[in-house]
Amino acid sequence: MAAVGDAAGIAHAVAVDPASAQAYGGPFGWEPLLYLTCSRVAQANAVRTARVLLAAGADPNAGYLPEGMGPPFTALTGALGGGELGQPPHPRGLELARVLLAAGADANDGRALYNRGVLGDDTGYLELLLEFGLGRGDGGPWKARLGRVQDSPARMLENTVLTAALRGQARQIRCLLAHGAPADAKGDGHPFFGGHTALELALLGGHTEVARLLADAGASGTLRGLGAAEAAIMRGDREQVEQLLSVDPGLAGQLLTRRRDLLIKAAEYGRVPAVRLACALGFDVNARLPSTALHKAARAGNLPMVRALLELGADRSLRESDYDATPLEWAQFAGQAEVAELLSQ
């Protein structure tokens, strides 16, 4: 009944047995609230069903640990959707999320932040979480249960800034800074950020608008040597690259050995000038780490990038090492019909 949003049926069930609002059951052993927020079948009245369950005692922080690992996948995570497999948001996701947050769900939901951040530069969910306390408080029941395994609210907010800077999400950076998030966040809490500041991550990605926003907000960070060369390539700034290499000719070799994924990253970010510049510097257009640049562009549906990579010698027959799939198969999986047609030729 929860999965299909049968508010009347739920109301009857909890009237007969109030404990059923929190009972574990169904194919996943979840509480009803999780089936409601994670379901993507047509629902009669999702928001009313949530209110009925919460009024009957359902836990707004209901959740579980996927494969026994944090951060937890909560009812709030389910409502907001996203993630690497592109789970769509619930059709009434923001409204459901607001109901959960108003009932006491903790806004410091690391998995929800990660999953929605993967989808792109959207701010609706972020504004809602900030309104209800993202970055503040004690972390709620999941922090109490998991202790050091669960990031603190302050760290979650810093990581959100760092991730948006890394991905070049200018709208999210504007939103975060407007709500007082730290522009000078430093990525020393997770190896993914390499110890860099948010400003340095933006520069390394060639995200000039994000770098400007952070610098204007007082962020600090300096790139020299290898980092400066990487940033210049990502901007497609050939003149700056040549100047850096003339001062330190050894940088060329360091780039090829210590930044082997640079061309793949440029393709993932859609930077055609950066890809062309990287190839001119000797980067292998067919490097597999574990996928190729063409795999990344194909999944993103970036036709100009796919064409540029093919022109530069990308091999469309190569299979990446995680799923043994070709770029064409990645495009088909992601529903990128135009790219799939091009790669089929």
Protein backbone atom coordinates (compact mmCIF):
# COMPACT_ATOMS: atom_id res chain seq x y z
CA MET A 1 0.00 0.00 0.00
CA ALA A 2 2.85 2.39 0.75
CA ALA A 3 4.56 1.66 -2.56
CA VAL A 4 1.44 2.68 -4.52
CA GLY A 5 0.53 5.60 -2.24
CA ASP A 6 -2.74 4.11 -1.00
CA ALA A 7 -3.42 6.65 1.73
CA ALA A 8 -6.87 5.29 2.57
CA GLY A 9 -5.59 1.75 2.86
CA ILE A 10 -2.68 2.86 5.03
CA ALA A 11 -5.01 4.89 7.25
CA HIS A 12 -7.16 1.82 7.82
CA ALA A 13 -4.16 -0.43 8.45
CA VAL A 14 -2.59 1.83 11.08
CA ALA A 15 -5.95 2.38 12.75
CA VAL A 16 -6.23 -1.38 13.22
CA ASP A 17 -2.56 -1.85 14.12
CA PRO A 18 -0.62 1.37 14.89
CA ALA A 19 2.66 -0.57 15.10
CA SER A 20 2.38 -1.42 11.39
CA ALA A 21 3.51 2.14 10.55
CA GLN A 22 7.02 1.16 11.66
CA ALA A 23 6.95 -2.58 10.95
CA TYR A 24 9.70 -4.13 8.83
CA GLY A 25 8.50 -6.25 5.94
CA GLY A 26 8.12 -6.70 2.21
CA PRO A 27 10.80 -7.93 -0.20
CA PHE A 28 13.55 -5.72 1.26
CA GLY A 29 12.65 -5.87 4.94
CA TRP A 30 12.01 -2.11 5.02
CA GLU A 31 9.61 0.13 6.89
CA PRO A 32 6.58 1.32 4.87
CA LEU A 33 7.94 4.87 4.58
CA LEU A 34 10.92 3.60 2.57
CA TYR A 35 8.69 1.76 0.10
CA LEU A 36 6.72 4.97 -0.33
CA THR A 37 9.67 7.25 -1.05
CA CYS A 38 11.71 4.77 -3.09
CA SER A 39 8.85 3.61 -5.30
CA ARG A 40 8.57 4.98 -8.83
CA VAL A 41 5.32 3.29 -9.82
CA ALA A 42 2.20 5.45 -10.23
CA GLN A 43 1.05 6.47 -6.76
CA ALA A 44 -2.44 7.57 -5.85
CA ASN A 45 -1.44 10.09 -3.17
CA ALA A 46 2.17 9.92 -2.04
CA VAL A 47 2.22 13.04 0.14
CA ARG A 48 -0.98 12.19 2.01
CA THR A 49 0.29 8.63 2.54
CA ALA A 50 3.50 10.02 4.04
CA ARG A 51 1.54 12.25 6.40
CA VAL A 52 -0.66 9.32 7.50
CA LEU A 53 2.39 7.16 8.21
CA LEU A 54 4.22 9.92 10.08
CA ALA A 55 1.14 10.76 12.16
CA ALA A 56 0.93 7.07 13.09
CA GLY A 57 4.52 7.06 14.35
CA ALA A 58 6.63 6.27 11.31
CA ASP A 59 10.26 7.33 11.73
CA PRO A 60 11.12 10.27 9.41
CA ASN A 61 14.77 9.13 9.63
CA ALA A 62 13.97 5.56 8.54
CA GLY A 63 16.78 4.06 6.52
CA TYR A 64 19.24 1.24 6.04
CA LEU A 65 22.93 0.69 5.27
CA PRO A 66 23.40 -0.55 1.69
CA GLU A 67 25.60 -3.67 1.82
CA GLY A 68 26.20 -2.78 5.47
CA MET A 69 28.08 0.42 4.62
CA GLY A 70 27.36 4.11 5.22
CA PRO A 71 26.21 6.65 4.58
CA PRO A 72 22.67 5.40 5.17
CA PHE A 73 20.03 5.29 2.45
CA THR A 74 17.12 7.06 4.11
CA ALA A 75 13.52 7.87 3.25
CA LEU A 76 14.79 11.33 2.35
CA THR A 77 17.40 9.80 0.02
CA GLY A 78 14.68 7.82 -1.70
CA ALA A 79 12.44 10.83 -2.21
CA LEU A 80 15.23 12.90 -3.78
CA GLY A 81 16.54 10.15 -6.08
CA GLY A 82 19.66 10.35 -8.20
CA GLY A 83 22.86 8.38 -7.85
CA GLU A 84 25.29 6.89 -10.35
CA LEU A 85 22.60 4.75 -11.99
CA GLY A 86 20.43 7.82 -12.52
CA GLN A 87 17.43 6.90 -10.37
CA PRO A 88 14.84 9.55 -11.23
CA PRO A 89 13.58 11.80 -8.45
CA HIS A 90 10.18 10.93 -7.07
CA PRO A 91 7.50 12.80 -9.09
CA ARG A 92 6.67 14.69 -5.89
CA GLY A 93 10.14 14.36 -4.43
CA LEU A 94 10.66 17.88 -3.10
CA GLU A 95 7.19 17.96 -1.55
CA LEU A 96 7.75 14.56 0.05
CA ALA A 97 11.18 15.69 1.26
CA ARG A 98 9.66 18.79 2.85
CA VAL A 99 7.08 16.67 4.69
CA LEU A 100 9.85 14.37 5.98
CA LEU A 101 12.07 17.28 7.05
CA ALA A 102 9.20 19.05 8.79
CA ALA A 103 8.52 15.82 10.69
CA GLY A 104 12.12 15.62 11.92
CA ALA A 105 14.21 14.02 9.17
CA ASP A 106 17.79 15.25 9.49
CA ALA A 107 18.86 17.41 6.55
CA ASN A 108 22.46 16.21 6.93
CA ASP A 109 21.92 13.28 4.59
CA GLY A 110 25.23 12.40 2.97
CA ARG A 111 23.82 9.90 0.51
CA ALA A 112 21.06 12.24 -0.65
CA LEU A 113 23.65 14.97 -1.22
CA TYR A 114 25.87 12.63 -3.21
CA ASN A 115 23.05 11.08 -5.24
CA ARG A 116 21.50 14.38 -6.28
CA GLY A 117 24.88 15.99 -6.94
CA VAL A 118 25.59 13.30 -9.53
CA LEU A 119 22.50 14.35 -11.51
CA GLY A 120 23.81 17.82 -12.33
CA ASP A 121 23.80 21.46 -11.31
CA ASP A 122 20.37 21.57 -9.63
CA THR A 123 19.66 23.66 -6.55
CA GLY A 124 16.04 22.90 -5.57
CA TYR A 125 16.93 20.03 -3.28
CA LEU A 126 19.96 21.90 -1.94
CA GLU A 127 17.95 24.97 -0.97
CA LEU A 128 15.48 22.72 0.84
CA LEU A 129 18.20 20.91 2.81
CA LEU A 130 19.88 24.21 3.70
CA GLU A 131 16.54 25.58 4.90
CA PHE A 132 16.14 22.63 7.26
CA GLY A 133 19.63 22.67 8.72
CA LEU A 134 22.23 21.22 6.36
CA GLY A 135 25.60 21.92 7.99
CA ARG A 136 24.10 22.51 11.42
CA GLY A 137 23.06 20.45 14.41
CA ASP A 138 24.46 17.21 15.82
CA GLY A 139 23.80 14.97 12.83
CA GLY A 140 20.67 13.33 14.22
CA PRO A 141 20.08 9.65 14.96
CA TRP A 142 22.32 8.28 12.23
CA LYS A 143 25.32 10.20 13.56
CA ALA A 144 24.51 8.88 17.02
CA ARG A 145 24.36 5.32 15.69
CA LEU A 146 27.40 5.40 13.43
CA GLY A 147 29.73 7.77 15.27
CA ARG A 148 32.90 8.59 13.33
CA VAL A 149 31.72 6.57 10.33
CA GLN A 150 29.15 9.30 9.68
CA ASP A 151 30.48 12.74 8.71
CA SER A 152 29.59 15.68 10.95
CA PRO A 153 27.11 18.25 9.59
CA ALA A 154 29.94 20.78 9.16
CA ARG A 155 32.00 18.28 7.19
CA MET A 156 29.02 17.37 4.99
CA LEU A 157 28.55 21.03 4.12
CA GLU A 158 32.26 21.45 3.34
CA ASN A 159 32.21 18.30 1.19
CA THR A 160 29.19 19.66 -0.68
CA VAL A 161 31.15 22.82 -1.51
CA LEU A 162 34.19 20.78 -2.55
CA THR A 163 32.14 18.43 -4.73
CA ALA A 164 30.35 21.30 -6.48
CA ALA A 165 33.73 22.95 -7.12
CA LEU A 166 35.18 19.69 -8.44
CA ARG A 167 32.25 19.23 -10.84
CA GLY A 168 32.05 22.87 -11.88
CA GLN A 169 28.50 23.31 -10.60
CA ALA A 170 28.21 27.09 -10.58
CA ARG A 171 24.54 27.25 -9.57
CA GLN A 172 25.19 25.06 -6.55
CA ILE A 173 28.21 27.13 -5.55
CA ARG A 174 26.13 30.32 -5.72
CA CYS A 175 23.41 28.71 -3.61
CA LEU A 176 25.87 27.39 -1.03
CA LEU A 177 27.72 30.69 -0.69
CA ALA A 178 24.45 32.60 -0.38
CA HIS A 179 23.58 30.38 2.61
CA GLY A 180 26.92 30.95 4.34
CA ALA A 181 28.73 27.77 3.32
CA PRO A 182 32.53 28.01 3.65
CA ALA A 183 34.15 29.18 0.41
CA ASP A 184 37.51 28.16 1.84
CA ALA A 185 36.58 24.50 2.35
CA LYS A 186 39.61 22.21 2.24
CA GLY A 187 39.46 18.61 1.10
CA ASP A 188 41.47 17.02 3.87
CA GLY A 189 38.58 14.83 5.03
CA HIS A 190 38.39 12.53 2.01
CA PRO A 191 41.12 11.29 -0.38
CA PHE A 192 38.81 12.03 -3.32
CA PHE A 193 39.68 15.73 -2.96
CA GLY A 194 43.44 15.19 -2.76
CA GLY A 195 43.87 17.73 0.06
CA HIS A 196 42.99 20.61 -2.27
CA THR A 197 40.87 23.62 -1.42
CA ALA A 198 37.60 24.23 -3.25
CA LEU A 199 39.28 26.95 -5.32
CA GLU A 200 42.11 24.63 -6.34
CA LEU A 201 39.65 21.91 -7.35
CA ALA A 202 37.77 24.39 -9.53
CA LEU A 203 41.02 25.52 -11.16
CA LEU A 204 42.19 21.94 -11.74
CA GLY A 205 38.92 21.21 -13.50
CA GLY A 206 39.14 24.30 -15.67
CA HIS A 207 35.91 25.59 -14.11
CA THR A 208 36.68 29.29 -14.47
CA GLU A 209 33.25 30.59 -13.42
CA VAL A 210 33.25 28.53 -10.23
CA ALA A 211 36.83 29.59 -9.48
CA ARG A 212 35.83 33.24 -9.86
CA LEU A 213 32.81 32.83 -7.55
CA LEU A 214 34.95 31.19 -4.88
CA ALA A 215 37.77 33.73 -5.19
CA ASP A 216 35.29 36.61 -4.91
CA ALA A 217 33.97 34.99 -1.72
CA GLY A 218 37.46 34.93 -0.21
CA ALA A 219 38.57 31.41 -1.05
CA SER A 220 42.27 30.68 -1.11
CA GLY A 221 44.39 28.26 -3.07
CA THR A 222 47.46 28.29 -5.27
CA LEU A 223 48.56 25.90 -7.99
CA ARG A 224 52.17 25.61 -9.08
CA GLY A 225 54.16 23.37 -11.35
CA LEU A 226 52.23 20.22 -12.25
CA GLY A 227 48.95 21.55 -10.87
CA ALA A 228 49.24 24.81 -12.78
CA ALA A 229 49.97 22.91 -16.00
CA GLU A 230 46.99 20.62 -15.46
CA ALA A 231 44.70 23.61 -14.87
CA ALA A 232 45.97 25.33 -18.02
CA ILE A 233 45.31 22.22 -20.12
CA MET A 234 41.79 21.92 -18.73
CA ARG A 235 41.17 25.55 -19.70
CA GLY A 236 42.53 24.81 -23.17
CA ASP A 237 45.13 27.52 -22.61
CA ARG A 238 47.90 26.43 -24.97
CA GLU A 239 49.94 29.61 -24.46
CA GLN A 240 50.05 29.12 -20.69
CA VAL A 241 50.98 25.46 -21.06
CA GLU A 242 53.84 26.31 -23.41
CA GLN A 243 55.08 28.98 -21.03
CA LEU A 244 55.07 26.57 -18.07
CA LEU A 245 56.86 23.89 -20.10
CA SER A 246 59.51 26.37 -21.27
CA VAL A 247 60.30 27.18 -17.63
CA ASP A 248 60.26 23.52 -16.55
CA PRO A 249 60.56 21.08 -19.50
CA GLY A 250 60.28 18.15 -17.07
CA LEU A 251 56.60 18.95 -16.55
CA ALA A 252 55.72 17.31 -19.86
CA GLY A 253 56.88 13.90 -18.68
CA GLN A 254 55.29 14.37 -15.25
CA LEU A 255 51.94 15.16 -16.84
CA LEU A 256 51.99 11.98 -18.89
CA THR A 257 53.00 9.73 -15.99
CA ARG A 258 51.27 11.36 -12.99
CA ARG A 259 48.13 12.75 -14.64
CA ARG A 260 47.28 9.84 -16.93
CA ASP A 261 43.54 10.41 -16.55
CA LEU A 262 43.65 14.07 -17.58
CA LEU A 263 42.37 13.54 -21.12
CA ILE A 264 39.57 11.28 -19.84
CA LYS A 265 38.59 13.94 -17.31
CA ALA A 266 38.57 16.60 -20.02
CA ALA A 267 36.26 14.43 -22.11
CA GLU A 268 33.97 13.81 -19.15
CA TYR A 269 33.71 17.58 -18.57
CA GLY A 270 33.03 18.20 -22.24
CA ARG A 271 36.18 20.25 -22.90
CA VAL A 272 36.99 19.72 -26.58
CA PRO A 273 39.89 22.28 -26.63
CA ALA A 274 41.39 20.58 -23.57
CA VAL A 275 41.14 17.15 -25.24
CA ARG A 276 42.84 18.45 -28.40
CA LEU A 277 45.58 20.11 -26.35
CA ALA A 278 46.15 16.96 -24.28
CA CYS A 279 46.48 14.86 -27.43
CA ALA A 280 48.98 17.36 -28.85
CA LEU A 281 51.03 16.95 -25.67
CA GLY A 282 51.18 13.18 -26.10
CA PHE A 283 48.27 11.87 -24.03
CA ASP A 284 46.86 8.58 -25.34
CA VAL A 285 43.32 9.12 -26.64
CA ASN A 286 42.65 5.40 -26.08
CA ALA A 287 43.91 5.14 -22.49
CA ARG A 288 41.65 2.91 -20.37
CA LEU A 289 41.45 3.90 -16.69
CA PRO A 290 39.23 1.76 -16.53
CA SER A 291 37.15 3.33 -19.34
CA THR A 292 38.27 5.50 -22.23
CA ALA A 293 37.50 9.12 -22.99
CA LEU A 294 35.13 7.91 -25.70
CA HIS A 295 33.17 5.87 -23.15
CA LYS A 296 32.69 8.98 -21.00
CA ALA A 297 31.59 11.14 -23.93
CA ALA A 298 29.25 8.42 -25.23
CA ARG A 299 27.47 7.99 -21.92
CA ALA A 300 27.07 11.76 -21.58
CA GLY A 301 25.62 11.98 -25.09
CA ASN A 302 28.14 14.66 -26.06
CA LEU A 303 28.11 14.52 -29.86
CA PRO A 304 30.77 17.23 -30.47
CA MET A 305 33.11 15.46 -28.05
CA VAL A 306 32.48 12.05 -29.60
CA ARG A 307 33.21 13.44 -33.06
CA ALA A 308 36.39 15.15 -31.84
CA LEU A 309 37.64 11.97 -30.17
CA LEU A 310 36.97 9.87 -33.27
CA GLU A 311 38.81 12.46 -35.35
CA LEU A 312 41.74 12.22 -32.93
CA GLY A 313 41.91 8.44 -33.33
CA ALA A 314 39.66 7.08 -30.59
CA ASP A 315 38.96 3.37 -31.08
CA ARG A 316 35.22 2.72 -30.85
CA SER A 317 35.79 -1.05 -30.47
CA LEU A 318 37.65 -0.84 -27.15
CA ARG A 319 35.97 -2.35 -24.09
CA GLU A 320 36.36 -0.82 -20.66
CA SER A 321 37.49 -3.12 -17.86
CA ASP A 322 34.61 -2.79 -15.37
CA TYR A 323 31.70 -4.05 -17.47
CA ASP A 324 33.48 -5.22 -20.65
CA ALA A 325 31.38 -2.76 -22.66
CA THR A 326 32.13 -0.68 -25.75
CA PRO A 327 31.38 3.06 -26.02
CA LEU A 328 28.36 2.15 -28.16
CA GLU A 329 27.01 -0.05 -25.38
CA TRP A 330 27.51 2.75 -22.85
CA ALA A 331 25.58 5.13 -25.12
CA GLN A 332 22.77 2.58 -25.50
CA PHE A 333 22.65 1.97 -21.74
CA ALA A 334 22.35 5.72 -21.11
CA GLY A 335 19.70 6.19 -23.79
CA GLN A 336 21.92 8.44 -25.94
CA ALA A 337 20.32 7.65 -29.30
CA GLU A 338 22.21 10.16 -31.46
CA VAL A 339 25.61 9.10 -30.16
CA ALA A 340 24.64 5.44 -30.47
CA GLU A 341 23.70 6.00 -34.11
CA LEU A 342 27.03 7.72 -34.80
CA LEU A 343 29.03 4.95 -33.11
CA SER A 344 27.09 2.28 -35.01
CA GLN A 345 28.24 3.59 -38.37
